[in-house]
Amino acid sequence: MPEKIALSVVVLTKNEEKRIRACLDSVTWADEIILVDDESTDKTVEIASKFTNRILTWRMDIEGRHRNWAYAQARNLWVLSLDADEIVTPELKEEITRVLSTKPIENGFTIPRRNFIGDYWVKYGGWYPSPQLKLFRKDKFRYEEADVHPRAFMDKPCGHLKGDLIHYSYRNFYDFLLKLNNQTTREANKWKAQGKPMRFYIFLWRTIDRFMRTYVGRKGYKDGYFGFIIAFNAGFYQILSYLKYKELMLLERRKY
């Protein structure tokens, strides 16, 4: 049996029984797999128990805080952060193994992702290679403690791997729109909590700008109707978040 490498793979889950097996099966070469489960009610934990005995239940509150806590549970210095819909390719596995064996001076590495909607690999519109900071030293890395789109902070230097991570971003367009609805609600709640002033004309401009940058600037049109839907939703995200924010503020004023 090949020797496992000193790497902690941390996977966050919530009702992922259909995808978790493929994710964990792709990282059995790491000497530690940690599953941090957000109170799943399906067979996620049962399936994961065949791959690891380090299964922790922790309810998600603030995404950035949740991730920081999860990484802190790792026994190894180096952490590979995955979501249940991500799969490590053989090429990426070999590259990670080789890089970590050299005791790198970098504190972390970005990894390119092949993002899918269903079984369609989206290659344009900024969706590929779309590198993400996924491999890092846990003592040099942290997330902003924000509930939506938390920023990653890490001391330099940062390296860049070439092997791809497969990311089954959305099962279908229904899933795509469901996540859009969820994320815009969280975005609106974040703005309300921060007390930021919001102006309609700014978000109208952002709506148009995001569509044009995605569809034209980043050549989303080359992905056909997938590219158009992606660009449309990139713009719609802005105006929908604004409308939800205005609704929250209106409800707040009605309390008084």
C-alpha atoms as a PDB file:
ATOM      1  CA  MET A   1       0.000   0.000   0.000  1.00  0.00           C
ATOM      2  CA  PRO A   2       1.442   3.427  -0.961  1.00  0.00           C
ATOM      3  CA  GLU A   3       2.557   5.571   1.956  1.00  0.00           C
ATOM      4  CA  LYS A   4       0.120   8.338   2.816  1.00  0.00           C
ATOM      5  CA  ILE A   5       1.325  11.920   2.944  1.00  0.00           C
ATOM      6  CA  ALA A   6       1.162  14.272   5.919  1.00  0.00           C
ATOM      7  CA  LEU A   7      -1.864  16.270   4.822  1.00  0.00           C
ATOM      8  CA  SER A   8      -5.179  17.022   6.500  1.00  0.00           C
ATOM      9  CA  VAL A   9      -8.126  17.132   4.098  1.00  0.00           C
ATOM     10  CA  VAL A  10     -10.984  19.115   5.647  1.00  0.00           C
ATOM     11  CA  VAL A  11     -14.417  18.664   4.052  1.00  0.00           C
ATOM     12  CA  LEU A  12     -17.524  20.648   4.993  1.00  0.00           C
ATOM     13  CA  THR A  13     -20.874  18.919   4.462  1.00  0.00           C
ATOM     14  CA  LYS A  14     -24.628  19.364   4.755  1.00  0.00           C
ATOM     15  CA  ASN A  15     -26.847  16.594   3.330  1.00  0.00           C
ATOM     16  CA  GLU A  16     -24.363  15.491   0.668  1.00  0.00           C
ATOM     17  CA  GLU A  17     -25.040  11.736   0.493  1.00  0.00           C
ATOM     18  CA  LYS A  18     -25.042  11.773  -3.325  1.00  0.00           C
ATOM     19  CA  ARG A  19     -21.650  13.451  -3.701  1.00  0.00           C
ATOM     20  CA  ILE A  20     -19.557  12.796  -0.615  1.00  0.00           C
ATOM     21  CA  ARG A  21     -18.315   9.330  -1.646  1.00  0.00           C
ATOM     22  CA  ALA A  22     -16.602  10.566  -4.823  1.00  0.00           C
ATOM     23  CA  CYS A  23     -15.046  13.475  -2.935  1.00  0.00           C
ATOM     24  CA  LEU A  24     -13.560  11.351  -0.150  1.00  0.00           C
ATOM     25  CA  ASP A  25     -12.515   8.559  -2.483  1.00  0.00           C
ATOM     26  CA  SER A  26     -10.315  11.073  -4.324  1.00  0.00           C
ATOM     27  CA  VAL A  27      -8.250  11.908  -1.201  1.00  0.00           C
ATOM     28  CA  THR A  28      -7.612   8.541   0.446  1.00  0.00           C
ATOM     29  CA  TRP A  29      -3.874   9.139  -0.085  1.00  0.00           C
ATOM     30  CA  ALA A  30      -3.888  11.815   2.677  1.00  0.00           C
ATOM     31  CA  ASP A  31      -3.139  10.595   6.202  1.00  0.00           C
ATOM     32  CA  GLU A  32      -6.024  12.556   7.757  1.00  0.00           C
ATOM     33  CA  ILE A  33      -9.530  13.265   6.504  1.00  0.00           C
ATOM     34  CA  ILE A  34     -11.767  15.454   8.662  1.00  0.00           C
ATOM     35  CA  LEU A  35     -15.468  15.782   7.940  1.00  0.00           C
ATOM     36  CA  VAL A  36     -17.185  18.765   9.556  1.00  0.00           C
ATOM     37  CA  ASP A  37     -20.884  18.112   9.175  1.00  0.00           C
ATOM     38  CA  ASP A  38     -23.620  20.714   9.545  1.00  0.00           C
ATOM     39  CA  GLU A  39     -26.230  18.420  11.136  1.00  0.00           C
ATOM     40  CA  SER A  40     -27.033  16.360   8.030  1.00  0.00           C
ATOM     41  CA  THR A  41     -30.281  14.404   8.083  1.00  0.00           C
ATOM     42  CA  ASP A  42     -29.406  12.044   5.221  1.00  0.00           C
ATOM     43  CA  LYS A  43     -26.683   9.355   4.936  1.00  0.00           C
ATOM     44  CA  THR A  44     -23.746  11.740   4.579  1.00  0.00           C
ATOM     45  CA  VAL A  45     -22.151  10.770   7.904  1.00  0.00           C
ATOM     46  CA  GLU A  46     -22.819   7.057   7.397  1.00  0.00           C
ATOM     47  CA  ILE A  47     -21.052   7.097   4.018  1.00  0.00           C
ATOM     48  CA  ALA A  48     -18.183   9.250   5.300  1.00  0.00           C
ATOM     49  CA  SER A  49     -17.549   6.864   8.200  1.00  0.00           C
ATOM     50  CA  LYS A  50     -16.220   4.341   5.675  1.00  0.00           C
ATOM     51  CA  PHE A  51     -13.386   6.762   4.880  1.00  0.00           C
ATOM     52  CA  THR A  52     -12.591   8.416   8.216  1.00  0.00           C
ATOM     53  CA  ASN A  53     -13.310   8.287  11.933  1.00  0.00           C
ATOM     54  CA  ARG A  54     -12.746  12.018  12.309  1.00  0.00           C
ATOM     55  CA  ILE A  55     -16.333  13.190  11.839  1.00  0.00           C
ATOM     56  CA  LEU A  56     -17.277  16.328  13.731  1.00  0.00           C
ATOM     57  CA  THR A  57     -20.752  17.841  13.981  1.00  0.00           C
ATOM     58  CA  TRP A  58     -20.772  21.626  14.020  1.00  0.00           C
ATOM     59  CA  ARG A  59     -23.709  23.783  13.058  1.00  0.00           C
ATOM     60  CA  MET A  60     -22.915  26.437  10.463  1.00  0.00           C
ATOM     61  CA  ASP A  61     -23.521  30.007  11.611  1.00  0.00           C
ATOM     62  CA  ILE A  62     -21.016  32.405  10.037  1.00  0.00           C
ATOM     63  CA  GLU A  63     -19.267  30.756   7.085  1.00  0.00           C
ATOM     64  CA  GLY A  64     -15.836  32.309   7.661  1.00  0.00           C
ATOM     65  CA  ARG A  65     -15.887  31.441  11.362  1.00  0.00           C
ATOM     66  CA  HIS A  66     -17.099  27.918  10.577  1.00  0.00           C
ATOM     67  CA  ARG A  67     -14.233  27.302   8.158  1.00  0.00           C
ATOM     68  CA  ASN A  68     -11.590  28.690  10.526  1.00  0.00           C
ATOM     69  CA  TRP A  69     -12.812  26.387  13.286  1.00  0.00           C
ATOM     70  CA  ALA A  70     -12.763  23.397  10.944  1.00  0.00           C
ATOM     71  CA  TYR A  71      -9.162  23.995   9.833  1.00  0.00           C
ATOM     72  CA  ALA A  72      -8.029  24.408  13.437  1.00  0.00           C
ATOM     73  CA  GLN A  73      -9.012  20.751  14.077  1.00  0.00           C
ATOM     74  CA  ALA A  74      -6.322  19.475  11.682  1.00  0.00           C
ATOM     75  CA  ARG A  75      -3.391  17.541  13.146  1.00  0.00           C
ATOM     76  CA  ASN A  76      -1.109  18.323  10.214  1.00  0.00           C
ATOM     77  CA  LEU A  77       0.463  21.647   9.322  1.00  0.00           C
ATOM     78  CA  TRP A  78      -0.761  21.470   5.718  1.00  0.00           C
ATOM     79  CA  VAL A  79      -4.509  21.527   4.984  1.00  0.00           C
ATOM     80  CA  LEU A  80      -6.411  20.842   1.765  1.00  0.00           C
ATOM     81  CA  SER A  81      -9.843  22.466   2.030  1.00  0.00           C
ATOM     82  CA  LEU A  82     -12.622  20.802   0.032  1.00  0.00           C
ATOM     83  CA  ASP A  83     -16.365  21.009  -0.283  1.00  0.00           C
ATOM     84  CA  ALA A  84     -18.370  17.843  -0.844  1.00  0.00           C
ATOM     85  CA  ASP A  85     -18.934  18.719  -4.511  1.00  0.00           C
ATOM     86  CA  GLU A  86     -15.193  18.811  -5.277  1.00  0.00           C
ATOM     87  CA  ILE A  87     -12.984  15.963  -6.512  1.00  0.00           C
ATOM     88  CA  VAL A  88      -9.177  15.860  -6.666  1.00  0.00           C
ATOM     89  CA  THR A  89      -7.901  14.679 -10.037  1.00  0.00           C
ATOM     90  CA  PRO A  90      -5.004  12.155 -10.242  1.00  0.00           C
ATOM     91  CA  GLU A  91      -2.836  14.903 -11.762  1.00  0.00           C
ATOM     92  CA  LEU A  92      -3.530  17.218  -8.844  1.00  0.00           C
ATOM     93  CA  LYS A  93      -2.845  14.443  -6.334  1.00  0.00           C
ATOM     94  CA  GLU A  94       0.586  13.791  -7.878  1.00  0.00           C
ATOM     95  CA  GLU A  95       1.394  17.500  -7.913  1.00  0.00           C
ATOM     96  CA  ILE A  96       0.405  18.017  -4.264  1.00  0.00           C
ATOM     97  CA  THR A  97       2.417  14.963  -3.211  1.00  0.00           C
ATOM     98  CA  ARG A  98       5.477  16.202  -5.086  1.00  0.00           C
ATOM     99  CA  VAL A  99       5.221  19.797  -3.839  1.00  0.00           C
ATOM    100  CA  LEU A 100       4.758  18.919  -0.168  1.00  0.00           C
ATOM    101  CA  SER A 101       7.698  16.477  -0.285  1.00  0.00           C
ATOM    102  CA  THR A 102      10.013  19.417  -1.073  1.00  0.00           C
ATOM    103  CA  LYS A 103       9.112  21.361   2.096  1.00  0.00           C
ATOM    104  CA  PRO A 104       7.964  24.400   0.107  1.00  0.00           C
ATOM    105  CA  ILE A 105       8.745  27.980   1.084  1.00  0.00           C
ATOM    106  CA  GLU A 106       5.227  29.010   0.021  1.00  0.00           C
ATOM    107  CA  ASN A 107       2.541  29.259   2.695  1.00  0.00           C
ATOM    108  CA  GLY A 108      -0.180  28.097   0.348  1.00  0.00           C
ATOM    109  CA  PHE A 109      -1.144  27.307  -3.225  1.00  0.00           C
ATOM    110  CA  THR A 110      -4.031  28.187  -5.499  1.00  0.00           C
ATOM    111  CA  ILE A 111      -5.654  25.354  -7.443  1.00  0.00           C
ATOM    112  CA  PRO A 112      -7.518  25.730 -10.761  1.00  0.00           C
ATOM    113  CA  ARG A 113     -11.086  24.396 -10.815  1.00  0.00           C
ATOM    114  CA  ARG A 114     -13.198  22.921 -13.596  1.00  0.00           C
ATOM    115  CA  ASN A 115     -16.641  24.228 -12.675  1.00  0.00           C
ATOM    116  CA  PHE A 116     -19.676  22.272 -13.899  1.00  0.00           C
ATOM    117  CA  ILE A 117     -23.394  22.890 -14.249  1.00  0.00           C
ATOM    118  CA  GLY A 118     -24.787  19.375 -14.440  1.00  0.00           C
ATOM    119  CA  ASP A 119     -22.330  17.571 -16.720  1.00  0.00           C
ATOM    120  CA  TYR A 120     -21.357  20.704 -18.658  1.00  0.00           C
ATOM    121  CA  TRP A 121     -17.865  22.100 -18.000  1.00  0.00           C
ATOM    122  CA  VAL A 122     -18.106  25.910 -18.114  1.00  0.00           C
ATOM    123  CA  LYS A 123     -14.862  27.127 -19.703  1.00  0.00           C
ATOM    124  CA  TYR A 124     -15.506  30.873 -20.121  1.00  0.00           C
ATOM    125  CA  GLY A 125     -17.097  33.797 -18.308  1.00  0.00           C
ATOM    126  CA  GLY A 126     -14.352  33.711 -15.671  1.00  0.00           C
ATOM    127  CA  TRP A 127     -15.295  30.188 -14.577  1.00  0.00           C
ATOM    128  CA  TYR A 128     -12.051  28.533 -15.658  1.00  0.00           C
ATOM    129  CA  PRO A 129      -9.384  28.252 -14.434  1.00  0.00           C
ATOM    130  CA  SER A 130     -10.853  30.296 -11.554  1.00  0.00           C
ATOM    131  CA  PRO A 131      -7.952  29.446  -9.166  1.00  0.00           C
ATOM    132  CA  GLN A 132      -8.866  29.086  -5.490  1.00  0.00           C
ATOM    133  CA  LEU A 133      -6.596  29.126  -2.436  1.00  0.00           C
ATOM    134  CA  LYS A 134      -7.296  25.568  -1.282  1.00  0.00           C
ATOM    135  CA  LEU A 135      -3.949  24.189  -0.063  1.00  0.00           C
ATOM    136  CA  PHE A 136      -2.280  26.066   2.785  1.00  0.00           C
ATOM    137  CA  ARG A 137      -0.385  26.001   6.067  1.00  0.00           C
ATOM    138  CA  LYS A 138      -3.026  26.294   8.749  1.00  0.00           C
ATOM    139  CA  ASP A 139      -0.866  28.650  10.840  1.00  0.00           C
ATOM    140  CA  LYS A 140      -0.573  31.151   7.970  1.00  0.00           C
ATOM    141  CA  PHE A 141      -4.147  31.210   6.720  1.00  0.00           C
ATOM    142  CA  ARG A 142      -7.552  32.421   7.883  1.00  0.00           C
ATOM    143  CA  TYR A 143     -10.919  33.442   6.497  1.00  0.00           C
ATOM    144  CA  GLU A 144     -12.677  36.691   7.168  1.00  0.00           C
ATOM    145  CA  GLU A 145     -15.494  35.926   9.603  1.00  0.00           C
ATOM    146  CA  ALA A 146     -18.235  36.902   7.148  1.00  0.00           C
ATOM    147  CA  ASP A 147     -21.415  34.989   6.356  1.00  0.00           C
ATOM    148  CA  VAL A 148     -21.261  35.280   2.563  1.00  0.00           C
ATOM    149  CA  HIS A 149     -18.251  35.279   0.217  1.00  0.00           C
ATOM    150  CA  PRO A 150     -15.680  35.520   3.046  1.00  0.00           C
ATOM    151  CA  ARG A 151     -12.258  36.714   1.941  1.00  0.00           C
ATOM    152  CA  ALA A 152      -9.180  34.529   2.446  1.00  0.00           C
ATOM    153  CA  PHE A 153      -6.082  36.003   4.106  1.00  0.00           C
ATOM    154  CA  MET A 154      -2.652  34.382   4.003  1.00  0.00           C
ATOM    155  CA  ASP A 155       0.921  35.532   4.507  1.00  0.00           C
ATOM    156  CA  LYS A 156       3.005  35.554   1.310  1.00  0.00           C
ATOM    157  CA  PRO A 157       4.506  33.863  -0.638  1.00  0.00           C
ATOM    158  CA  CYS A 158       1.718  32.039  -2.478  1.00  0.00           C
ATOM    159  CA  GLY A 159       2.315  29.374  -5.138  1.00  0.00           C
ATOM    160  CA  HIS A 160       0.094  28.177  -7.974  1.00  0.00           C
ATOM    161  CA  LEU A 161      -0.591  24.551  -8.882  1.00  0.00           C
ATOM    162  CA  LYS A 162      -1.510  23.381 -12.390  1.00  0.00           C
ATOM    163  CA  GLY A 163      -3.519  20.212 -11.680  1.00  0.00           C
ATOM    164  CA  ASP A 164      -7.285  20.710 -11.760  1.00  0.00           C
ATOM    165  CA  LEU A 165      -9.865  20.274  -9.045  1.00  0.00           C
ATOM    166  CA  ILE A 166     -13.216  19.048 -10.386  1.00  0.00           C
ATOM    167  CA  HIS A 167     -16.045  21.176  -9.003  1.00  0.00           C
ATOM    168  CA  TYR A 168     -19.641  20.064  -9.566  1.00  0.00           C
ATOM    169  CA  SER A 169     -20.872  23.537  -8.710  1.00  0.00           C
ATOM    170  CA  TYR A 170     -24.544  22.996  -9.554  1.00  0.00           C
ATOM    171  CA  ARG A 171     -26.538  19.839 -10.199  1.00  0.00           C
ATOM    172  CA  ASN A 172     -28.743  21.666 -12.716  1.00  0.00           C
ATOM    173  CA  PHE A 173     -30.251  25.101 -13.409  1.00  0.00           C
ATOM    174  CA  TYR A 174     -32.777  24.621 -10.618  1.00  0.00           C
ATOM    175  CA  ASP A 175     -29.892  24.195  -8.170  1.00  0.00           C
ATOM    176  CA  PHE A 176     -28.175  27.199  -9.768  1.00  0.00           C
ATOM    177  CA  LEU A 177     -31.186  29.462  -9.142  1.00  0.00           C
ATOM    178  CA  LEU A 178     -31.782  28.020  -5.663  1.00  0.00           C
ATOM    179  CA  LYS A 179     -28.252  28.955  -4.597  1.00  0.00           C
ATOM    180  CA  LEU A 180     -28.601  32.386  -6.199  1.00  0.00           C
ATOM    181  CA  ASN A 181     -31.701  32.998  -4.087  1.00  0.00           C
ATOM    182  CA  ASN A 182     -29.956  31.828  -0.919  1.00  0.00           C
ATOM    183  CA  GLN A 183     -26.786  33.832  -1.496  1.00  0.00           C
ATOM    184  CA  THR A 184     -28.589  37.077  -2.321  1.00  0.00           C
ATOM    185  CA  THR A 185     -30.630  36.757   0.885  1.00  0.00           C
ATOM    186  CA  ARG A 186     -27.427  36.363   2.895  1.00  0.00           C
ATOM    187  CA  GLU A 187     -25.826  39.283   1.031  1.00  0.00           C
ATOM    188  CA  ALA A 188     -28.783  41.552   1.856  1.00  0.00           C
ATOM    189  CA  ASN A 189     -28.666  40.537   5.520  1.00  0.00           C
ATOM    190  CA  LYS A 190     -24.922  41.292   5.622  1.00  0.00           C
ATOM    191  CA  TRP A 191     -25.449  44.792   4.200  1.00  0.00           C
ATOM    192  CA  LYS A 192     -28.205  45.500   6.727  1.00  0.00           C
ATOM    193  CA  ALA A 193     -26.000  44.345   9.602  1.00  0.00           C
ATOM    194  CA  GLN A 194     -23.140  46.526   8.374  1.00  0.00           C
ATOM    195  CA  GLY A 195     -25.394  49.565   8.031  1.00  0.00           C
ATOM    196  CA  LYS A 196     -23.964  50.394   4.618  1.00  0.00           C
ATOM    197  CA  PRO A 197     -25.729  53.060   2.512  1.00  0.00           C
ATOM    198  CA  MET A 198     -27.048  51.520  -0.723  1.00  0.00           C
ATOM    199  CA  ARG A 199     -28.099  53.410  -3.835  1.00  0.00           C
ATOM    200  CA  PHE A 200     -30.316  52.006  -6.598  1.00  0.00           C
ATOM    201  CA  TYR A 201     -28.390  53.622  -9.470  1.00  0.00           C
ATOM    202  CA  ILE A 202     -25.146  52.001  -8.274  1.00  0.00           C
ATOM    203  CA  PHE A 203     -26.702  48.555  -8.339  1.00  0.00           C
ATOM    204  CA  LEU A 204     -28.330  49.179 -11.687  1.00  0.00           C
ATOM    205  CA  TRP A 205     -24.874  49.989 -13.059  1.00  0.00           C
ATOM    206  CA  ARG A 206     -23.364  46.945 -11.380  1.00  0.00           C
ATOM    207  CA  THR A 207     -26.062  44.747 -12.914  1.00  0.00           C
ATOM    208  CA  ILE A 208     -25.212  45.893 -16.433  1.00  0.00           C
ATOM    209  CA  ASP A 209     -21.460  45.906 -15.775  1.00  0.00           C
ATOM    210  CA  ARG A 210     -21.368  42.353 -14.388  1.00  0.00           C
ATOM    211  CA  PHE A 211     -23.363  41.014 -17.332  1.00  0.00           C
ATOM    212  CA  MET A 212     -21.126  42.702 -19.914  1.00  0.00           C
ATOM    213  CA  ARG A 213     -17.872  41.711 -18.206  1.00  0.00           C
ATOM    214  CA  THR A 214     -18.973  38.085 -17.919  1.00  0.00           C
ATOM    215  CA  TYR A 215     -20.595  37.671 -21.328  1.00  0.00           C
ATOM    216  CA  VAL A 216     -18.314  39.849 -23.453  1.00  0.00           C
ATOM    217  CA  GLY A 217     -15.130  40.684 -21.539  1.00  0.00           C
ATOM    218  CA  ARG A 218     -14.598  37.132 -20.285  1.00  0.00           C
ATOM    219  CA  LYS A 219     -16.044  35.561 -23.442  1.00  0.00           C
ATOM    220  CA  GLY A 220     -18.995  33.866 -21.763  1.00  0.00           C
ATOM    221  CA  TYR A 221     -20.743  33.841 -25.151  1.00  0.00           C
ATOM    222  CA  LYS A 222     -18.450  30.959 -26.143  1.00  0.00           C
ATOM    223  CA  ASP A 223     -20.366  28.725 -23.714  1.00  0.00           C
ATOM    224  CA  GLY A 224     -23.592  29.231 -25.688  1.00  0.00           C
ATOM    225  CA  TYR A 225     -26.805  29.442 -23.713  1.00  0.00           C
ATOM    226  CA  PHE A 226     -24.936  28.327 -20.565  1.00  0.00           C
ATOM    227  CA  GLY A 227     -22.775  31.417 -20.944  1.00  0.00           C
ATOM    228  CA  PHE A 228     -25.781  33.698 -21.364  1.00  0.00           C
ATOM    229  CA  ILE A 229     -27.549  32.324 -18.277  1.00  0.00           C
ATOM    230  CA  ILE A 230     -24.360  32.647 -16.221  1.00  0.00           C
ATOM    231  CA  ALA A 231     -23.819  36.251 -17.350  1.00  0.00           C
ATOM    232  CA  PHE A 232     -27.477  37.129 -16.779  1.00  0.00           C
ATOM    233  CA  ASN A 233     -27.335  35.781 -13.232  1.00  0.00           C
ATOM    234  CA  ALA A 234     -24.023  37.537 -12.535  1.00  0.00           C
ATOM    235  CA  GLY A 235     -25.862  40.794 -13.156  1.00  0.00           C
ATOM    236  CA  PHE A 236     -29.148  39.733 -11.589  1.00  0.00           C
ATOM    237  CA  TYR A 237     -27.291  38.866  -8.360  1.00  0.00           C
ATOM    238  CA  GLN A 238     -26.588  42.574  -7.862  1.00  0.00           C
ATOM    239  CA  ILE A 239     -30.082  43.933  -8.341  1.00  0.00           C
ATOM    240  CA  LEU A 240     -31.767  41.040  -6.501  1.00  0.00           C
ATOM    241  CA  SER A 241     -29.499  41.553  -3.470  1.00  0.00           C
ATOM    242  CA  TYR A 242     -30.387  45.251  -3.516  1.00  0.00           C
ATOM    243  CA  LEU A 243     -34.138  44.588  -3.692  1.00  0.00           C
ATOM    244  CA  LYS A 244     -33.940  42.170  -0.758  1.00  0.00           C
ATOM    245  CA  TYR A 245     -31.927  44.739   1.194  1.00  0.00           C
ATOM    246  CA  LYS A 246     -34.573  47.423   0.547  1.00  0.00           C
ATOM    247  CA  GLU A 247     -37.274  45.023   1.690  1.00  0.00           C
ATOM    248  CA  LEU A 248     -35.391  44.348   4.935  1.00  0.00           C
ATOM    249  CA  MET A 249     -34.983  48.068   5.591  1.00  0.00           C
ATOM    250  CA  LEU A 250     -38.686  48.681   4.906  1.00  0.00           C
ATOM    251  CA  LEU A 251     -39.668  45.970   7.385  1.00  0.00           C
ATOM    252  CA  GLU A 252     -37.266  47.488   9.923  1.00  0.00           C
ATOM    253  CA  ARG A 253     -38.891  50.919   9.631  1.00  0.00           C
ATOM    254  CA  ARG A 254     -42.374  49.425  10.059  1.00  0.00           C
ATOM    255  CA  LYS A 255     -41.368  48.188  13.507  1.00  0.00           C
ATOM    256  CA  TYR A 256     -41.196  51.759  14.787  1.00  0.00           C
END
